[in-house]
Protein backbone atom coordinates (compact mmCIF):
# COMPACT_ATOMS: atom_id res chain seq x y z
CA MET A 1 113.76 109.85 100.64
CA THR A 2 112.46 110.06 104.18
CA ALA A 3 110.65 107.37 106.12
CA ALA A 4 107.49 109.49 105.92
CA ALA A 5 107.63 109.27 102.10
CA LEU A 6 107.58 105.45 102.18
CA SER A 7 104.47 103.31 102.26
CA THR A 8 104.08 100.75 105.03
CA ASN A 9 104.91 97.95 102.57
CA GLU A 10 108.05 99.77 101.37
CA MET A 11 109.18 100.39 104.94
CA LEU A 12 108.67 96.70 105.74
CA ALA A 13 110.81 95.77 102.71
CA VAL A 14 113.59 98.17 103.73
CA LEU A 15 113.66 96.93 107.32
CA GLY A 16 113.49 93.31 106.19
CA SER A 17 116.36 93.78 103.76
CA ARG A 18 118.59 95.02 106.58
CA ALA A 19 118.16 91.70 108.41
CA LEU A 20 119.47 89.69 105.44
CA LYS A 21 123.19 88.90 105.24
CA ASP A 22 125.49 88.23 102.31
CA GLY A 23 125.94 84.50 101.67
CA GLN A 24 122.64 83.48 103.28
CA THR A 25 119.98 81.37 101.58
CA VAL A 26 116.45 82.59 102.23
CA PHE A 27 112.98 81.40 101.31
CA THR A 28 110.85 84.28 100.12
CA GLY A 29 107.24 84.80 99.16
CA VAL A 30 105.79 87.56 97.03
CA GLY A 31 105.27 91.15 98.09
CA ALA A 32 107.37 92.74 100.80
CA PRO A 33 109.56 89.65 101.39
CA MET A 34 110.55 89.54 97.72
CA LEU A 35 111.18 93.28 97.68
CA ALA A 36 113.31 92.96 100.82
CA THR A 37 115.41 90.21 99.28
CA ALA A 38 115.90 92.09 96.00
CA LEU A 39 116.88 95.24 97.89
CA ALA A 40 119.38 93.33 100.03
CA GLN A 41 120.94 91.77 96.91
CA ARG A 42 121.34 95.17 95.28
CA ARG A 43 122.51 97.10 98.34
CA HIS A 44 124.69 94.90 100.54
CA ALA A 45 124.26 91.15 99.93
CA PRO A 46 125.07 90.27 96.30
CA ARG A 47 125.65 86.59 97.19
CA LEU A 48 122.31 86.24 98.96
CA THR A 49 120.52 83.22 97.47
CA MET A 50 116.77 83.46 97.17
CA VAL A 51 114.44 80.49 96.94
CA VAL A 52 111.16 81.76 95.53
CA GLU A 53 107.89 80.09 96.52
CA GLY A 54 107.40 78.98 92.91
CA GLY A 55 110.47 76.74 93.23
CA ILE A 56 113.01 78.95 91.50
CA VAL A 57 116.40 79.00 93.25
CA GLY A 58 118.77 81.94 92.94
CA PRO A 59 116.97 84.10 90.39
CA GLN A 60 118.98 86.81 88.71
CA TRP A 61 117.03 90.05 88.62
CA ARG A 62 116.31 91.89 85.44
CA PRO A 63 114.82 95.38 85.77
CA GLY A 64 111.06 95.26 85.36
CA TRP A 65 110.78 91.50 85.95
CA LEU A 66 110.06 89.68 89.18
CA PRO A 67 110.42 85.93 89.68
CA ILE A 68 107.26 84.00 89.05
CA ALA A 69 105.14 83.05 92.00
CA THR A 70 103.28 79.82 92.62
CA ASN A 71 99.84 81.07 91.59
CA GLU A 72 100.70 83.96 89.30
CA ILE A 73 100.24 82.27 85.92
CA ARG A 74 97.25 80.21 87.07
CA ALA A 75 95.51 83.31 88.36
CA ALA A 76 96.20 85.23 85.16
CA TYR A 77 94.60 82.59 82.96
CA ARG A 78 91.91 81.24 85.28
CA GLU A 79 89.14 83.63 84.19
CA LEU A 80 89.67 82.92 80.49
CA ALA A 81 89.91 79.19 81.15
CA MET A 82 86.57 79.28 82.94
CA VAL A 83 84.93 81.12 80.03
CA TRP A 84 86.25 78.61 77.49
CA HIS A 85 86.01 75.39 79.48
CA PRO A 86 84.40 72.74 77.23
CA ASP A 87 82.11 71.49 80.01
CA ARG A 88 80.24 74.80 79.84
CA PHE A 89 78.89 73.97 76.36
CA PRO A 90 76.45 71.29 75.14
CA GLN A 91 78.00 67.92 74.30
CA ASP A 92 79.01 67.52 70.62
CA SER A 93 78.14 71.14 69.74
CA PRO A 94 80.30 73.32 67.51
CA LEU A 95 80.82 75.60 70.50
CA GLN A 96 82.24 72.75 72.56
CA ALA A 97 84.77 71.96 69.83
CA LYS A 98 85.71 75.64 69.62
CA ALA A 99 86.03 75.78 73.41
CA GLN A 100 88.35 72.75 73.41
CA ASP A 101 90.61 74.46 70.86
CA LYS A 102 90.53 77.76 72.75
CA LEU A 103 91.29 76.10 76.11
CA ARG A 104 94.19 74.17 74.55
CA GLU A 105 95.52 77.47 73.15
CA LEU A 106 95.22 79.17 76.57
CA VAL A 107 97.09 76.34 78.30
CA LEU A 108 99.90 76.53 75.74
CA GLN A 109 100.08 80.32 76.21
CA ALA A 110 100.25 79.95 79.97
CA TYR A 111 103.08 77.40 79.78
CA ALA A 112 104.98 79.52 77.25
CA GLU A 113 104.70 82.54 79.54
CA TYR A 114 105.82 80.46 82.53
CA GLU A 115 108.86 79.17 80.63
CA GLU A 116 109.75 82.67 79.43
CA ARG A 117 109.51 84.12 82.93
CA ALA A 118 111.44 81.19 84.43
CA ALA A 119 114.22 81.61 81.84
CA VAL A 120 114.53 85.31 82.65
CA THR A 121 114.79 84.75 86.38
CA THR A 122 117.10 81.73 86.53
């Protein structure tokens, strides 16, 4: 693959990965920094320790999975939580009770997904 075939973000990840050394500990955010760290671990720095912004230290990569980020789960569930927030419905209405149940279910789903993703990456 030539440099011309890479996107700007991919080129940034490649160049960033070259600056990382085996045995280092690095703090990384999402996007190009995370790609750079993963590339460095796979290519030349297997003992590189990553600290992900979500608080995960030293994730082990599994193909198709990235470590969770600080806002990833919250962002994924925010829209549904806003639709089903009990304060959006009249007090003591059947819809408010349904909304409370639905919001509780969404919160449990979000935590389950967070725990699953954290288990995969630690």
